[in-house]
Each structure stands twice: as structure tokens, then as C-alpha cells.
C-alpha atoms as a PDB file:
ATOM      1  CA  MET A   1      -7.102   0.156  22.672  1.00  0.00           C
ATOM      2  CA  ARG A   2      -9.547  -1.438  20.334  1.00  0.00           C
ATOM      3  CA  SER A   3      -9.318  -1.861  16.593  1.00  0.00           C
ATOM      4  CA  GLY A   4     -12.285  -2.396  14.343  1.00  0.00           C
ATOM      5  CA  ARG A   5     -12.941  -3.213  10.729  1.00  0.00           C
ATOM      6  CA  ASP A   6     -16.102  -3.703   8.740  1.00  0.00           C
ATOM      7  CA  GLY A   7     -16.666  -4.702   5.131  1.00  0.00           C
ATOM      8  CA  HIS A   8     -19.490  -3.677   2.840  1.00  0.00           C
ATOM      9  CA  GLY A   9     -20.140  -3.286  -0.872  1.00  0.00           C
ATOM     10  CA  GLN A  10     -18.758   0.013  -2.449  1.00  0.00           C
ATOM     11  CA  ALA A  11     -16.059   0.810  -4.139  1.00  0.00           C
ATOM     12  CA  GLY A  12       9.318  14.871   3.504  1.00  0.00           C
ATOM     13  CA  ALA A  13      11.201  12.930   1.823  1.00  0.00           C
ATOM     14  CA  THR A  14      14.551  14.546   1.258  1.00  0.00           C
ATOM     15  CA  PRO A  15      16.650  14.436  -1.979  1.00  0.00           C
ATOM     16  CA  ALA A  16      18.948  11.460  -2.338  1.00  0.00           C
ATOM     17  CA  GLY A  17      22.081  13.370  -1.520  1.00  0.00           C
ATOM     18  CA  ARG A  18      20.556  14.586   1.729  1.00  0.00           C
ATOM     19  CA  ARG A  19      18.461  11.682   2.973  1.00  0.00           C
ATOM     20  CA  ARG A  20      17.022  11.891   6.483  1.00  0.00           C
ATOM     21  CA  ARG A  21      15.464   9.128   8.419  1.00  0.00           C
ATOM     22  CA  ALA A  22      12.630  11.126   9.383  1.00  0.00           C
ATOM     23  CA  PRO A  23      -2.143  -3.321  13.235  1.00  0.00           C
ATOM     24  CA  ARG A  24      -3.684  -4.965  14.068  1.00  0.00           C
ATOM     25  CA  GLY A  25      -7.425  -5.695  13.695  1.00  0.00           C
ATOM     26  CA  ALA A  26      -6.639  -8.644  11.434  1.00  0.00           C
ATOM     27  CA  ALA A  27      -9.329 -10.721  13.097  1.00  0.00           C
ATOM     28  CA  LEU A  28     -11.871  -8.094  12.180  1.00  0.00           C
ATOM     29  CA  LEU A  29     -10.683  -8.154   8.564  1.00  0.00           C
ATOM     30  CA  ALA A  30     -11.421 -11.875   8.565  1.00  0.00           C
ATOM     31  CA  ALA A  31     -14.800 -11.215  10.138  1.00  0.00           C
ATOM     32  CA  ALA A  32     -15.604  -8.665   7.458  1.00  0.00           C
ATOM     33  CA  LEU A  33     -14.935 -11.247   4.757  1.00  0.00           C
ATOM     34  CA  LEU A  34     -16.867 -13.975   6.548  1.00  0.00           C
ATOM     35  CA  LEU A  35     -19.875 -11.713   6.925  1.00  0.00           C
ATOM     36  CA  SER A  36     -19.966 -11.571   3.143  1.00  0.00           C
ATOM     37  CA  ALA A  37     -19.954 -15.373   2.757  1.00  0.00           C
ATOM     38  CA  GLY A  38     -22.543 -16.830   0.424  1.00  0.00           C
ATOM     39  CA  CYS A  39     -22.123 -14.086  -2.157  1.00  0.00           C
ATOM     40  CA  ASP A  40     -21.435 -15.287  -5.405  1.00  0.00           C
ATOM     41  CA  GLY A  41      -7.328 -15.271 -11.032  1.00  0.00           C
ATOM     42  CA  GLU A  42      -4.439 -15.213 -11.705  1.00  0.00           C
ATOM     43  CA  PRO A  43      -1.894 -12.418 -11.058  1.00  0.00           C
ATOM     44  CA  ARG A  44      -0.927 -10.288 -14.013  1.00  0.00           C
ATOM     45  CA  GLY A  45       2.341 -11.683 -15.289  1.00  0.00           C
ATOM     46  CA  ASP A  46       4.384 -13.328 -12.553  1.00  0.00           C
ATOM     47  CA  PRO A  47       4.415 -10.828  -9.657  1.00  0.00           C
ATOM     48  CA  PRO A  48       6.718 -11.825  -6.819  1.00  0.00           C
ATOM     49  CA  ALA A  49       4.973 -12.688  -3.575  1.00  0.00           C
ATOM     50  CA  PRO A  50       5.975 -10.890  -0.375  1.00  0.00           C
ATOM     51  CA  ASP A  51       7.541 -14.041   1.055  1.00  0.00           C
ATOM     52  CA  ALA A  52       7.810 -17.798   0.566  1.00  0.00           C
ATOM     53  CA  ALA A  53       4.796 -18.471   2.759  1.00  0.00           C
ATOM     54  CA  ALA A  54       2.659 -16.313   0.503  1.00  0.00           C
ATOM     55  CA  VAL A  55       3.821 -18.281  -2.528  1.00  0.00           C
ATOM     56  CA  ALA A  56       2.894 -21.546  -0.845  1.00  0.00           C
ATOM     57  CA  ALA A  57      -0.486 -20.153   0.165  1.00  0.00           C
ATOM     58  CA  ALA A  58      -1.376 -18.759  -3.270  1.00  0.00           C
ATOM     59  CA  PRO A  59      -4.431 -20.394  -4.892  1.00  0.00           C
ATOM     60  CA  GLU A  60      -3.788 -23.027  -7.536  1.00  0.00           C
ATOM     61  CA  ALA A  61      -3.867 -21.744 -11.106  1.00  0.00           C
ATOM     62  CA  GLY A  62      -7.292 -22.123 -12.666  1.00  0.00           C
ATOM     63  CA  ARG A  63      -8.998 -22.897  -9.379  1.00  0.00           C
ATOM     64  CA  ALA A  64     -12.314 -21.123  -8.900  1.00  0.00           C
ATOM     65  CA  PRO A  65     -12.639 -19.011  -5.730  1.00  0.00           C
ATOM     66  CA  ASP A  66     -15.191 -19.997  -3.095  1.00  0.00           C
ATOM     67  CA  GLN A  67     -16.473 -16.422  -2.827  1.00  0.00           C
ATOM     68  CA  VAL A  68     -16.410 -13.554  -5.312  1.00  0.00           C
ATOM     69  CA  LEU A  69     -17.396 -10.109  -4.043  1.00  0.00           C
ATOM     70  CA  PHE A  70     -17.636  -6.921  -6.077  1.00  0.00           C
ATOM     71  CA  ASP A  71     -17.058  -3.295  -5.022  1.00  0.00           C
ATOM     72  CA  THR A  72     -15.987  -4.194  -1.492  1.00  0.00           C
ATOM     73  CA  THR A  73     -14.745  -1.773   1.158  1.00  0.00           C
ATOM     74  CA  ILE A  74     -13.026  -2.773   4.394  1.00  0.00           C
ATOM     75  CA  THR A  75     -12.497  -0.092   7.040  1.00  0.00           C
ATOM     76  CA  ASP A  76      -9.981  -0.304   9.878  1.00  0.00           C
ATOM     77  CA  SER A  77     -10.507   1.945  12.875  1.00  0.00           C
ATOM     78  CA  ARG A  78      -8.955   2.379  16.292  1.00  0.00           C
ATOM     79  CA  GLU A  79     -10.920   3.855  19.176  1.00  0.00           C
ATOM     80  CA  GLY A  80     -13.559   4.866  16.657  1.00  0.00           C
ATOM     81  CA  VAL A  81     -11.107   6.772  14.439  1.00  0.00           C
ATOM     82  CA  ARG A  82     -10.433   5.561  10.901  1.00  0.00           C
ATOM     83  CA  ARG A  83      -6.900   4.411  10.111  1.00  0.00           C
ATOM     84  CA  TRP A  84      -7.512   3.249   6.555  1.00  0.00           C
ATOM     85  CA  THR A  85     -10.096   1.958   4.106  1.00  0.00           C
ATOM     86  CA  LEU A  86      -9.335  -0.738   1.526  1.00  0.00           C
ATOM     87  CA  THR A  87     -11.536  -0.871  -1.559  1.00  0.00           C
ATOM     88  CA  SER A  88     -11.393  -3.388  -4.404  1.00  0.00           C
ATOM     89  CA  ASP A  89     -13.372  -3.780  -7.614  1.00  0.00           C
ATOM     90  CA  ARG A  90     -13.334  -7.548  -7.137  1.00  0.00           C
ATOM     91  CA  LEU A  91     -12.383  -9.705  -4.138  1.00  0.00           C
ATOM     92  CA  GLU A  92     -11.801 -13.452  -4.403  1.00  0.00           C
ATOM     93  CA  LYS A  93     -11.819 -15.622  -1.288  1.00  0.00           C
ATOM     94  CA  PHE A  94     -10.656 -19.236  -0.935  1.00  0.00           C
ATOM     95  CA  VAL A  95     -11.908 -20.888   2.251  1.00  0.00           C
ATOM     96  CA  ASP A  96      -8.627 -22.718   2.890  1.00  0.00           C
ATOM     97  CA  GLN A  97      -6.407 -19.695   2.205  1.00  0.00           C
ATOM     98  CA  ASP A  98      -5.528 -16.838   4.547  1.00  0.00           C
ATOM     99  CA  GLU A  99      -5.156 -14.249   1.817  1.00  0.00           C
ATOM    100  CA  ALA A 100      -7.925 -12.698  -0.245  1.00  0.00           C
ATOM    101  CA  GLU A 101      -7.124 -11.846  -3.869  1.00  0.00           C
ATOM    102  CA  LEU A 102      -7.936  -8.260  -4.859  1.00  0.00           C
ATOM    103  CA  HIS A 103      -8.479  -6.698  -8.286  1.00  0.00           C
ATOM    104  CA  GLY A 104      -8.510  -2.926  -8.710  1.00  0.00           C
ATOM    105  CA  VAL A 105      -7.047  -1.879  -5.359  1.00  0.00           C
ATOM    106  CA  HIS A 106      -7.654   1.525  -3.752  1.00  0.00           C
ATOM    107  CA  MET A 107      -6.476   2.238  -0.198  1.00  0.00           C
ATOM    108  CA  ASP A 108      -7.036   5.493   1.692  1.00  0.00           C
ATOM    109  CA  PHE A 109      -4.887   6.283   4.747  1.00  0.00           C
ATOM    110  CA  PHE A 110      -6.192   8.562   7.482  1.00  0.00           C
ATOM    111  CA  GLN A 111      -4.592  10.498  10.315  1.00  0.00           C
ATOM    112  CA  ALA A 112      -6.881  11.959  12.981  1.00  0.00           C
ATOM    113  CA  ASP A 113      -9.708  10.840  10.666  1.00  0.00           C
ATOM    114  CA  THR A 114      -8.332  13.069   7.881  1.00  0.00           C
ATOM    115  CA  LEU A 115      -7.261  11.617   4.519  1.00  0.00           C
ATOM    116  CA  PHE A 116      -3.510  12.066   4.021  1.00  0.00           C
ATOM    117  CA  SER A 117      -2.485   9.462   1.429  1.00  0.00           C
ATOM    118  CA  VAL A 118      -3.951   7.278  -1.334  1.00  0.00           C
ATOM    119  CA  LEU A 119      -2.556   4.017  -2.723  1.00  0.00           C
ATOM    120  CA  THR A 120      -3.772   2.446  -5.974  1.00  0.00           C
ATOM    121  CA  ALA A 121      -2.701  -0.778  -7.711  1.00  0.00           C
ATOM    122  CA  ALA A 122      -3.944  -3.251 -10.294  1.00  0.00           C
ATOM    123  CA  ARG A 123      -3.808  -6.300  -8.009  1.00  0.00           C
ATOM    124  CA  GLY A 124      -3.274  -7.232  -4.395  1.00  0.00           C
ATOM    125  CA  ARG A 125      -3.443  -9.818  -1.621  1.00  0.00           C
ATOM    126  CA  ALA A 126      -4.788  -9.028   1.846  1.00  0.00           C
ATOM    127  CA  SER A 127      -3.983 -11.236   4.833  1.00  0.00           C
ATOM    128  CA  GLN A 128      -6.813 -11.947   7.257  1.00  0.00           C
ATOM    129  CA  ARG A 129      -4.445 -12.981  10.051  1.00  0.00           C
ATOM    130  CA  SER A 130      -2.028 -10.056  10.007  1.00  0.00           C
ATOM    131  CA  GLY A 131      -3.937  -7.331   8.172  1.00  0.00           C
ATOM    132  CA  ASN A 132      -0.909  -6.922   5.887  1.00  0.00           C
ATOM    133  CA  LEU A 133      -1.290  -6.071   2.210  1.00  0.00           C
ATOM    134  CA  PHE A 134       0.847  -6.861  -0.841  1.00  0.00           C
ATOM    135  CA  VAL A 135       0.046  -5.064  -4.115  1.00  0.00           C
ATOM    136  CA  TRP A 136       1.497  -5.085  -7.611  1.00  0.00           C
ATOM    137  CA  GLY A 137       0.928  -3.622 -11.062  1.00  0.00           C
ATOM    138  CA  ASP A 138       1.013   0.147 -11.672  1.00  0.00           C
ATOM    139  CA  VAL A 139       1.366   0.937  -7.974  1.00  0.00           C
ATOM    140  CA  VAL A 140       1.030   4.635  -7.122  1.00  0.00           C
ATOM    141  CA  VAL A 141       1.036   6.339  -3.722  1.00  0.00           C
ATOM    142  CA  VAL A 142       0.056  10.019  -3.600  1.00  0.00           C
ATOM    143  CA  ALA A 143       0.284  12.054  -0.396  1.00  0.00           C
ATOM    144  CA  SER A 144      -2.004  14.976   0.365  1.00  0.00           C
ATOM    145  CA  ASP A 145       0.868  17.443  -0.184  1.00  0.00           C
ATOM    146  CA  GLY A 146       1.519  16.110  -3.701  1.00  0.00           C
ATOM    147  CA  ARG A 147       4.462  13.803  -3.026  1.00  0.00           C
ATOM    148  CA  ARG A 148       4.212  10.801  -5.304  1.00  0.00           C
ATOM    149  CA  LEU A 149       5.683   7.288  -5.406  1.00  0.00           C
ATOM    150  CA  GLU A 150       5.478   5.096  -8.518  1.00  0.00           C
ATOM    151  CA  THR A 151       6.575   1.458  -8.479  1.00  0.00           C
ATOM    152  CA  GLU A 152       5.487  -2.023  -9.553  1.00  0.00           C
ATOM    153  CA  GLU A 153       4.938  -3.634  -6.160  1.00  0.00           C
ATOM    154  CA  LEU A 154       5.011  -2.915  -2.459  1.00  0.00           C
ATOM    155  CA  SER A 155       4.031  -4.370   0.887  1.00  0.00           C
ATOM    156  CA  TYR A 156       2.106  -2.617   3.650  1.00  0.00           C
ATOM    157  CA  ASP A 157       2.826  -3.839   7.185  1.00  0.00           C
ATOM    158  CA  ASP A 158      -0.206  -3.130   9.345  1.00  0.00           C
ATOM    159  CA  ARG A 159       1.685  -3.401  12.617  1.00  0.00           C
ATOM    160  CA  SER A 160       4.437  -0.900  11.797  1.00  0.00           C
ATOM    161  CA  GLY A 161       2.326   1.200   9.448  1.00  0.00           C
ATOM    162  CA  ARG A 162       5.168   1.206   6.885  1.00  0.00           C
ATOM    163  CA  ILE A 163       5.308   0.439   3.173  1.00  0.00           C
ATOM    164  CA  SER A 164       8.355  -1.209   1.585  1.00  0.00           C
ATOM    165  CA  ASN A 165       9.696  -3.100  -1.424  1.00  0.00           C
ATOM    166  CA  GLU A 166      12.880  -4.330  -3.105  1.00  0.00           C
ATOM    167  CA  VAL A 167      12.204  -3.119  -6.663  1.00  0.00           C
ATOM    168  CA  PHE A 168      12.671   0.075  -8.680  1.00  0.00           C
ATOM    169  CA  ASN A 169      10.966   3.228  -7.372  1.00  0.00           C
ATOM    170  CA  ARG A 170      10.382   6.740  -8.664  1.00  0.00           C
ATOM    171  CA  PHE A 171       9.676   9.405  -6.059  1.00  0.00           C
ATOM    172  CA  THR A 172       8.691  12.958  -6.968  1.00  0.00           C
ATOM    173  CA  ARG A 173       8.161  16.070  -4.894  1.00  0.00           C
ATOM    174  CA  GLY A 174       7.398  19.117  -6.946  1.00  0.00           C
ATOM    175  CA  ALA A 175      10.103  19.327  -9.627  1.00  0.00           C
ATOM    176  CA  ASP A 176      12.495  17.066  -7.700  1.00  0.00           C
ATOM    177  CA  VAL A 177      12.811  13.452  -8.838  1.00  0.00           C
ATOM    178  CA  MET A 178      14.545  10.619  -7.007  1.00  0.00           C
ATOM    179  CA  THR A 179      14.873   7.011  -8.192  1.00  0.00           C
ATOM    180  CA  GLY A 180      16.345   3.898  -6.647  1.00  0.00           C
ATOM    181  CA  VAL A 181      15.908   0.222  -5.869  1.00  0.00           C
ATOM    182  CA  GLY A 182      14.346  -0.882  -2.600  1.00  0.00           C
ATOM    183  CA  MET A 183      12.583   1.493  -0.261  1.00  0.00           C
ATOM    184  CA  GLN A 184      10.921   1.941   3.096  1.00  0.00           C
ATOM    185  CA  ALA A 185       8.462   4.726   3.816  1.00  0.00           C
ATOM    186  CA  THR A 186       5.414   5.880   5.680  1.00  0.00           C
ATOM    187  CA  PRO A 187       2.202   5.941   3.614  1.00  0.00           C
ATOM    188  CA  GLY A 188       2.216   9.751   3.725  1.00  0.00           C
ATOM    189  CA  LEU A 189       5.763   9.758   2.260  1.00  0.00           C
ATOM    190  CA  ASP A 190       6.942  12.189   4.941  1.00  0.00           C
ATOM    191  CA  TYR A 191       9.593   9.580   5.733  1.00  0.00           C
ATOM    192  CA  PHE A 192      11.087   7.975   2.624  1.00  0.00           C
ATOM    193  CA  GLU A 193      14.343   6.058   2.212  1.00  0.00           C
ATOM    194  CA  LEU A 194      15.754   4.516  -0.951  1.00  0.00           C
ATOM    195  CA  LYS A 195      18.190   1.654  -0.341  1.00  0.00           C
ATOM    196  CA  ARG A 196      20.502   1.457  -3.369  1.00  0.00           C
ATOM    197  CA  GLU A 197      21.218   2.665  -6.921  1.00  0.00           C
ATOM    198  CA  VAL A 198      19.946   6.070  -5.874  1.00  0.00           C
ATOM    199  CA  ASP A 199      19.830   8.889  -8.408  1.00  0.00           C
ATOM    200  CA  ALA A 200      18.318  12.328  -7.886  1.00  0.00           C
ATOM    201  CA  THR A 201      17.496  15.462  -9.825  1.00  0.00           C
ATOM    202  CA  VAL A 202      17.055  18.312  -7.355  1.00  0.00           C
ATOM    203  CA  HIS A 203      16.070  21.834  -8.311  1.00  0.00           C
ATOM    204  CA  ALA A 204      17.112  24.770  -6.149  1.00  0.00           C
ATOM    205  CA  ALA A 205      14.317  26.627  -4.435  1.00  0.00           C
ATOM    206  CA  PRO A 206      13.319  29.920  -6.097  1.00  0.00           C
ATOM    207  CA  GLY A 207      15.521  32.751  -4.882  1.00  0.00           C
ATOM    208  CA  ALA A 208      18.308  30.480  -3.635  1.00  0.00           C
ATOM    209  CA  ALA A 209      21.805  31.874  -4.140  1.00  0.00           C
ATOM    210  CA  ASP A 210      23.690  30.231  -7.000  1.00  0.00           C
ATOM    211  CA  ASP A 211      26.980  30.241  -5.063  1.00  0.00           C
ATOM    212  CA  GLY A 212      25.439  28.462  -2.096  1.00  0.00           C
ATOM    213  CA  GLU A 213      25.940  31.452   0.203  1.00  0.00           C
ATOM    214  CA  GLY A 214      23.130  33.128   2.050  1.00  0.00           C
ATOM    215  CA  PRO A 215      21.613  36.437   0.933  1.00  0.00           C
END
């Protein structure tokens, strides 16, 4: 199979008490950024990096980026079918760094070329080698069926297609609310697992018997 990316200027989970356990193309991400070469940051607060290597690779404070691109869109496809598009208001590239710094992050996930989930965040870092993404600041993931995840940071692993973090999360589905620390999920939130300190408010479906017995 073949994966492709191009860059251009543009902009069931289950309640906690009943949990169920329901990438590539990185080289093309790098190519997309390099194609934009010649076009003429610091994280908000102190957001934790996804790992120690990312901390070591982060640009020095106050250092000017080698490239600054505005309203960029990178598209990843496989066999001609879109997997996701990553849009940022501002992209900063350092020639000696693997990761690009993103401001105003918007990521659309597709299945069978149909949009099924949207991720937004204030900031992010995208790896050219792996295609992985780390975002932070007002992170929200909304699935096409209305399921919603709110958190302050998360990582997207392009190879597994999963999102994860080790911080506080708030997950809502209709009137049901579930919170907890640490999570792993699919971008569409059809699989969602909280790791610890789980709390849930679950509302019975309309018409359900109060005594738990069937009709």
C-alpha cells in the first residue's frame, strides 16, 4: 500500500462502570514541509512534551524559526483515500529539528473518505519522521455522532491510529459525563478507555425501568 501527503496554504465509549475495550507517510510529511521552503515560539505555559527526546529536540527559547508558513494544510492519504488533514494557522520549521511547531491546530480524521472526527488545539508539534502529533492547550475532539473529549494535551500515534495522554480528561456522550486521568482512544471515540480516578454520571435511557427489570 502507498501513503501520500501534500502540503499547501489553507487553513462508543461506555460509562465508567461498564467500560469495554471496544502511519506512516512520515517521509511525505517532511516532503510537504520542504516543498514550502523559502517562505518567510514558545509553547503556552510549560506544556509537557510527549517524551524526553521531544524535550531535547525542542527549539531553543527565543530562537527564530528558519521557515514560517501561514494557513498550511497537510493531507495524508492511503491508496488515494484520505486518512486525515492537518491544518495550522502558523507553522514554524527549524532546519535542524525533526518537529514542526504548530499554532492553531485543526485535524480532520476520515474513514472511507468520510469525515468522522475533528481535533482542535491551541498548539502542537508534528514529527516529520514518524508522522506523530502532540498537541496541547484547550484540546477538544468531537466525533461525528456528538461524542466529545476535552483535555489539555494528547498525542496522536500515526502508526496505531490512537490518541492518548496521562492527564485529566472529560468525556461526554449525550447527557452522560465521564472523567478520569490518562486515556487511550480512537479518534472517533468509539473506543475510549480512562485509566484511573474514573468518575461517571450516567443517565438511564428514556423508558428504562427504574427497578432494573425489563418491561
